[in-house]
N, C-alpha and C. Protein backbone atom coordinates (compact mmCIF):
# COMPACT_ATOMS: atom_id res chain seq x y z
N MET A 1 96.34 6.94 81.93
CA MET A 1 95.09 6.47 82.48
C MET A 1 94.74 7.28 83.72
N ALA A 2 93.50 7.72 83.81
CA ALA A 2 93.05 8.54 84.92
C ALA A 2 92.78 7.70 86.16
N THR A 3 92.96 8.32 87.31
CA THR A 3 92.59 7.69 88.57
C THR A 3 91.08 7.75 88.70
N GLU A 4 90.47 6.66 89.14
CA GLU A 4 89.01 6.65 89.31
C GLU A 4 88.66 7.01 90.75
N MET A 5 87.70 7.89 90.90
CA MET A 5 87.24 8.35 92.19
C MET A 5 86.20 7.36 92.73
N THR A 6 86.67 6.22 93.21
CA THR A 6 85.76 5.19 93.72
C THR A 6 85.45 5.47 95.19
N ALA A 7 84.38 4.85 95.67
CA ALA A 7 84.00 5.00 97.08
C ALA A 7 85.12 4.47 97.99
N ALA A 8 85.71 3.34 97.61
CA ALA A 8 86.78 2.76 98.42
C ALA A 8 88.01 3.67 98.42
N TRP A 9 88.35 4.24 97.26
CA TRP A 9 89.51 5.14 97.18
C TRP A 9 89.27 6.36 98.06
N LEU A 10 88.07 6.95 97.98
CA LEU A 10 87.75 8.14 98.78
C LEU A 10 87.86 7.86 100.27
N LYS A 11 87.33 6.72 100.69
CA LYS A 11 87.36 6.35 102.11
C LYS A 11 88.81 6.17 102.57
N ALA A 12 89.62 5.46 101.78
CA ALA A 12 91.03 5.25 102.13
C ALA A 12 91.78 6.57 102.16
N HIS A 13 91.48 7.45 101.21
CA HIS A 13 92.14 8.76 101.15
C HIS A 13 91.80 9.59 102.39
N CYS A 14 90.55 9.56 102.79
CA CYS A 14 90.15 10.29 104.00
C CYS A 14 90.91 9.77 105.22
N LYS A 15 91.00 8.47 105.34
CA LYS A 15 91.72 7.87 106.47
C LYS A 15 93.19 8.27 106.44
N GLU A 16 93.79 8.21 105.26
CA GLU A 16 95.21 8.58 105.09
C GLU A 16 95.46 10.04 105.46
N GLN A 17 94.50 10.90 105.15
CA GLN A 17 94.65 12.33 105.40
C GLN A 17 94.24 12.74 106.81
N GLY A 18 93.79 11.76 107.62
CA GLY A 18 93.38 12.08 108.99
C GLY A 18 91.97 12.63 109.07
N HIS A 19 91.18 12.41 108.04
CA HIS A 19 89.78 12.84 108.05
C HIS A 19 88.91 11.68 108.52
N TYR A 20 87.61 11.91 108.56
CA TYR A 20 86.67 10.90 109.01
C TYR A 20 86.46 9.82 107.94
N THR A 21 86.33 8.57 108.37
CA THR A 21 86.03 7.50 107.43
C THR A 21 84.53 7.41 107.17
N THR A 22 83.73 8.07 107.99
CA THR A 22 82.29 8.21 107.74
C THR A 22 82.13 9.42 106.81
N PRO A 23 81.76 9.19 105.56
CA PRO A 23 81.75 10.28 104.57
C PRO A 23 80.99 11.54 104.98
N ALA A 24 79.82 11.40 105.58
CA ALA A 24 78.98 12.57 105.89
C ALA A 24 79.61 13.50 106.92
N LEU A 25 80.59 13.03 107.67
CA LEU A 25 81.21 13.86 108.71
C LEU A 25 82.30 14.78 108.19
N ASN A 26 82.76 14.54 106.99
CA ASN A 26 83.83 15.36 106.41
C ASN A 26 83.26 16.67 105.88
N ASP A 27 83.88 17.78 106.27
CA ASP A 27 83.43 19.07 105.75
C ASP A 27 84.35 19.60 104.66
N LYS A 28 85.49 18.93 104.44
CA LYS A 28 86.38 19.32 103.33
C LYS A 28 87.08 18.08 102.79
N LEU A 29 87.38 18.13 101.50
CA LEU A 29 88.12 17.06 100.84
C LEU A 29 89.20 17.69 99.97
N PHE A 30 90.40 17.18 100.10
CA PHE A 30 91.53 17.65 99.30
C PHE A 30 91.81 16.59 98.24
N LEU A 31 91.34 16.82 97.04
CA LEU A 31 91.49 15.87 95.94
C LEU A 31 92.26 16.49 94.78
N HIS A 32 93.19 17.38 95.08
CA HIS A 32 93.94 18.06 94.04
C HIS A 32 95.12 17.21 93.57
N PHE A 33 95.44 17.35 92.29
CA PHE A 33 96.57 16.68 91.65
C PHE A 33 96.52 15.16 91.81
N LYS A 34 95.34 14.57 91.59
CA LYS A 34 95.18 13.11 91.71
C LYS A 34 94.95 12.44 90.36
N GLY A 35 94.76 13.19 89.30
CA GLY A 35 94.56 12.61 87.97
C GLY A 35 93.13 12.21 87.66
N PHE A 36 92.16 12.78 88.37
CA PHE A 36 90.76 12.47 88.11
C PHE A 36 90.30 13.10 86.81
N ASP A 37 89.49 12.36 86.03
CA ASP A 37 88.91 12.96 84.84
C ASP A 37 87.40 13.18 85.00
N ARG A 38 86.84 12.70 86.11
CA ARG A 38 85.44 13.02 86.42
C ARG A 38 85.18 12.87 87.91
N ILE A 39 84.15 13.58 88.35
CA ILE A 39 83.75 13.57 89.76
C ILE A 39 82.69 12.50 89.91
N GLN A 40 82.91 11.61 90.88
CA GLN A 40 81.92 10.56 91.11
C GLN A 40 82.02 10.04 92.54
N ASN A 41 80.95 9.41 92.99
CA ASN A 41 80.88 8.77 94.32
C ASN A 41 80.97 9.75 95.49
N LEU A 42 80.59 10.99 95.29
CA LEU A 42 80.60 11.96 96.38
C LEU A 42 79.23 12.09 97.05
N GLU A 43 78.24 11.34 96.61
CA GLU A 43 76.89 11.44 97.17
C GLU A 43 76.86 11.29 98.70
N PRO A 44 77.64 10.36 99.29
CA PRO A 44 77.61 10.21 100.75
C PRO A 44 78.26 11.38 101.51
N TYR A 45 78.99 12.23 100.84
CA TYR A 45 79.70 13.34 101.48
C TYR A 45 78.79 14.55 101.59
N THR A 46 77.69 14.37 102.30
CA THR A 46 76.64 15.38 102.40
C THR A 46 77.05 16.60 103.22
N GLY A 47 78.06 16.46 104.07
CA GLY A 47 78.49 17.58 104.90
C GLY A 47 79.60 18.42 104.31
N LEU A 48 80.00 18.13 103.08
CA LEU A 48 81.11 18.89 102.45
C LEU A 48 80.78 20.37 102.35
N LYS A 49 81.73 21.18 102.77
CA LYS A 49 81.61 22.62 102.60
C LYS A 49 82.70 23.16 101.67
N ALA A 50 83.82 22.44 101.57
CA ALA A 50 84.93 22.86 100.70
C ALA A 50 85.49 21.64 99.98
N LEU A 51 85.66 21.79 98.68
CA LEU A 51 86.17 20.71 97.84
C LEU A 51 87.29 21.26 96.97
N PHE A 52 88.45 20.63 97.07
CA PHE A 52 89.64 21.06 96.35
C PHE A 52 89.94 20.05 95.24
N LEU A 53 89.75 20.45 93.99
CA LEU A 53 89.94 19.58 92.83
C LEU A 53 90.97 20.15 91.85
N GLU A 54 91.83 21.00 92.32
CA GLU A 54 92.83 21.66 91.47
C GLU A 54 93.76 20.65 90.79
N GLY A 55 94.10 20.92 89.54
CA GLY A 55 95.13 20.18 88.83
C GLY A 55 94.78 18.74 88.49
N ASN A 56 93.54 18.48 88.16
CA ASN A 56 93.14 17.16 87.68
C ASN A 56 92.88 17.26 86.18
N GLY A 57 92.16 16.32 85.64
CA GLY A 57 91.83 16.35 84.21
C GLY A 57 90.34 16.48 83.99
N LEU A 58 89.67 17.22 84.86
CA LEU A 58 88.21 17.34 84.79
C LEU A 58 87.77 18.16 83.59
N GLU A 59 86.81 17.64 82.84
CA GLU A 59 86.21 18.38 81.73
C GLU A 59 84.86 18.94 82.11
N GLU A 60 84.25 18.40 83.19
CA GLU A 60 82.94 18.85 83.66
C GLU A 60 82.93 18.86 85.18
N LEU A 61 82.08 19.72 85.72
CA LEU A 61 81.89 19.76 87.17
C LEU A 61 80.55 19.13 87.51
N GLU A 62 80.37 17.91 87.11
CA GLU A 62 79.14 17.18 87.40
C GLU A 62 79.44 16.13 88.46
N GLY A 63 78.40 15.66 89.12
CA GLY A 63 78.58 14.66 90.16
C GLY A 63 78.61 15.25 91.56
N LEU A 64 78.14 16.48 91.68
CA LEU A 64 78.12 17.16 92.97
C LEU A 64 76.72 17.33 93.53
N GLY A 65 75.76 16.64 92.94
CA GLY A 65 74.35 16.80 93.33
C GLY A 65 74.06 16.53 94.79
N GLY A 66 74.79 15.62 95.43
CA GLY A 66 74.55 15.32 96.83
C GLY A 66 75.25 16.26 97.79
N CYS A 67 76.07 17.14 97.28
CA CYS A 67 76.87 18.06 98.12
C CYS A 67 76.11 19.38 98.30
N LEU A 68 74.96 19.31 98.93
CA LEU A 68 74.08 20.47 99.03
C LEU A 68 74.63 21.59 99.91
N GLU A 69 75.55 21.28 100.82
CA GLU A 69 76.12 22.29 101.71
C GLU A 69 77.42 22.88 101.17
N LEU A 70 77.84 22.46 99.98
CA LEU A 70 79.11 22.90 99.43
C LEU A 70 79.14 24.42 99.24
N ARG A 71 80.10 25.05 99.88
CA ARG A 71 80.24 26.51 99.82
C ARG A 71 81.41 26.94 98.93
N CYS A 72 82.50 26.16 98.95
CA CYS A 72 83.71 26.53 98.23
C CYS A 72 84.15 25.39 97.32
N LEU A 73 84.32 25.70 96.05
CA LEU A 73 84.77 24.72 95.07
C LEU A 73 85.97 25.29 94.33
N PHE A 74 87.08 24.57 94.44
CA PHE A 74 88.33 25.00 93.82
C PHE A 74 88.66 24.01 92.71
N ALA A 75 88.41 24.41 91.47
CA ALA A 75 88.61 23.52 90.32
C ALA A 75 89.51 24.16 89.27
N GLN A 76 90.47 24.94 89.72
CA GLN A 76 91.41 25.56 88.80
C GLN A 76 92.36 24.52 88.22
N GLN A 77 92.94 24.86 87.11
CA GLN A 77 93.93 24.01 86.41
C GLN A 77 93.37 22.63 86.05
N ASN A 78 92.23 22.63 85.41
CA ASN A 78 91.64 21.40 84.88
C ASN A 78 91.46 21.59 83.38
N MET A 79 90.51 20.90 82.80
CA MET A 79 90.24 21.00 81.36
C MET A 79 88.79 21.40 81.11
N LEU A 80 88.26 22.27 81.96
CA LEU A 80 86.86 22.70 81.86
C LEU A 80 86.67 23.63 80.67
N HIS A 81 85.56 23.44 79.96
CA HIS A 81 85.20 24.32 78.84
C HIS A 81 84.00 25.18 79.20
N THR A 82 83.19 24.71 80.15
CA THR A 82 82.00 25.45 80.60
C THR A 82 81.85 25.27 82.10
N ILE A 83 80.99 26.09 82.67
CA ILE A 83 80.60 25.93 84.07
C ILE A 83 79.29 25.15 84.04
N SER A 84 79.28 24.00 84.66
CA SER A 84 78.13 23.11 84.64
C SER A 84 76.93 23.73 85.33
N PRO A 85 75.72 23.50 84.80
CA PRO A 85 74.52 24.07 85.39
C PRO A 85 74.10 23.40 86.70
N GLY A 86 74.62 22.23 87.03
CA GLY A 86 74.18 21.50 88.20
C GLY A 86 74.99 21.74 89.46
N LEU A 87 75.72 22.84 89.54
CA LEU A 87 76.50 23.10 90.75
C LEU A 87 75.59 23.39 91.93
N PRO A 88 75.99 23.01 93.14
CA PRO A 88 75.16 23.27 94.32
C PRO A 88 74.87 24.75 94.50
N ALA A 89 73.63 25.07 94.77
CA ALA A 89 73.18 26.47 94.87
C ALA A 89 73.82 27.23 96.02
N ALA A 90 74.35 26.54 97.02
CA ALA A 90 74.93 27.19 98.19
C ALA A 90 76.34 27.72 97.96
N LEU A 91 76.91 27.48 96.78
CA LEU A 91 78.29 27.93 96.54
C LEU A 91 78.45 29.44 96.75
N SER A 92 79.47 29.79 97.51
CA SER A 92 79.79 31.21 97.67
C SER A 92 81.14 31.54 97.04
N THR A 93 81.99 30.52 96.84
CA THR A 93 83.30 30.70 96.23
C THR A 93 83.50 29.64 95.16
N LEU A 94 83.85 30.09 93.97
CA LEU A 94 84.11 29.19 92.86
C LEU A 94 85.37 29.65 92.14
N ASN A 95 86.35 28.76 92.07
CA ASN A 95 87.59 29.06 91.36
C ASN A 95 87.70 28.10 90.19
N VAL A 96 87.56 28.64 88.99
CA VAL A 96 87.71 27.86 87.76
C VAL A 96 88.76 28.51 86.86
N SER A 97 89.72 29.16 87.48
CA SER A 97 90.79 29.81 86.71
C SER A 97 91.69 28.76 86.07
N ASN A 98 92.40 29.18 85.04
CA ASN A 98 93.33 28.32 84.31
C ASN A 98 92.67 27.06 83.77
N ASN A 99 91.53 27.26 83.16
CA ASN A 99 90.82 26.23 82.41
C ASN A 99 90.62 26.78 81.00
N SER A 100 89.83 26.12 80.21
CA SER A 100 89.58 26.57 78.84
C SER A 100 88.17 27.11 78.68
N ILE A 101 87.68 27.81 79.68
CA ILE A 101 86.32 28.37 79.65
C ILE A 101 86.34 29.62 78.79
N SER A 102 85.51 29.61 77.76
CA SER A 102 85.47 30.77 76.86
C SER A 102 84.18 31.57 77.00
N LEU A 103 83.19 31.03 77.70
CA LEU A 103 81.91 31.71 77.87
C LEU A 103 81.43 31.49 79.29
N LEU A 104 81.17 32.60 80.00
CA LEU A 104 80.64 32.49 81.35
C LEU A 104 79.13 32.33 81.28
N GLU A 105 78.65 31.19 81.75
CA GLU A 105 77.21 30.92 81.78
C GLU A 105 76.91 29.98 82.93
N ASN A 106 75.64 29.76 83.18
CA ASN A 106 75.16 28.85 84.24
C ASN A 106 75.52 29.34 85.63
N LEU A 107 75.52 30.65 85.83
CA LEU A 107 75.82 31.21 87.15
C LEU A 107 74.57 31.76 87.84
N ALA A 108 73.49 31.92 87.12
CA ALA A 108 72.27 32.53 87.68
C ALA A 108 71.67 31.71 88.80
N HIS A 109 71.91 30.40 88.82
CA HIS A 109 71.34 29.55 89.87
C HIS A 109 72.21 29.51 91.12
N LEU A 110 73.21 30.38 91.21
CA LEU A 110 74.11 30.44 92.36
C LEU A 110 73.90 31.78 93.09
N PRO A 111 72.79 31.92 93.82
CA PRO A 111 72.46 33.22 94.43
C PRO A 111 73.44 33.67 95.52
N ASP A 112 74.17 32.76 96.13
CA ASP A 112 75.10 33.12 97.20
C ASP A 112 76.54 33.31 96.72
N LEU A 113 76.76 33.21 95.42
CA LEU A 113 78.11 33.33 94.87
C LEU A 113 78.66 34.74 95.14
N GLN A 114 79.75 34.80 95.88
CA GLN A 114 80.39 36.07 96.21
C GLN A 114 81.75 36.21 95.56
N THR A 115 82.44 35.09 95.37
CA THR A 115 83.78 35.12 94.79
C THR A 115 83.85 34.16 93.62
N LEU A 116 84.16 34.70 92.46
CA LEU A 116 84.32 33.91 91.25
C LEU A 116 85.69 34.23 90.67
N GLN A 117 86.52 33.20 90.55
CA GLN A 117 87.84 33.39 89.96
C GLN A 117 87.86 32.66 88.62
N VAL A 118 88.05 33.45 87.57
CA VAL A 118 88.12 32.91 86.21
C VAL A 118 89.29 33.58 85.53
N GLY A 119 90.13 32.77 84.95
CA GLY A 119 91.23 33.29 84.16
C GLY A 119 91.33 32.43 82.92
N TRP A 120 91.44 33.04 81.78
CA TRP A 120 91.46 32.29 80.54
C TRP A 120 92.88 31.91 80.18
N LEU A 121 93.02 30.73 79.64
CA LEU A 121 94.31 30.30 79.10
C LEU A 121 94.45 30.86 77.70
N THR A 122 95.60 31.33 77.36
CA THR A 122 95.84 31.80 76.01
C THR A 122 96.84 30.88 75.34
N CYS A 123 96.55 30.57 74.10
CA CYS A 123 97.45 29.66 73.35
C CYS A 123 98.15 30.40 72.26
């Protein structure tokens, strides 16, 4: 069973990690290896600049619509098959290596993208 990314869980996690309990004040979130299968409840985290989601069970990178300042997204070692079209336009670094992405698409709306890390898994 996957861990659910609830608002209460996120707030408690921030407090535990020594971050702000007011979501908008956090500029980074470390959510790697938590067992998430989807991104949710990040709308209040409007000040996020870096999001670490490595080693979860994510199949999509959706649910980031409120993270307009997001510059760095680390989503390696998940179960992604595509790069979602709704990623924040301000992204400059995207790591989606070690996923099951077979076709690079949906990158044209990322004008500030400078670093893209993609590595294909071979079976």
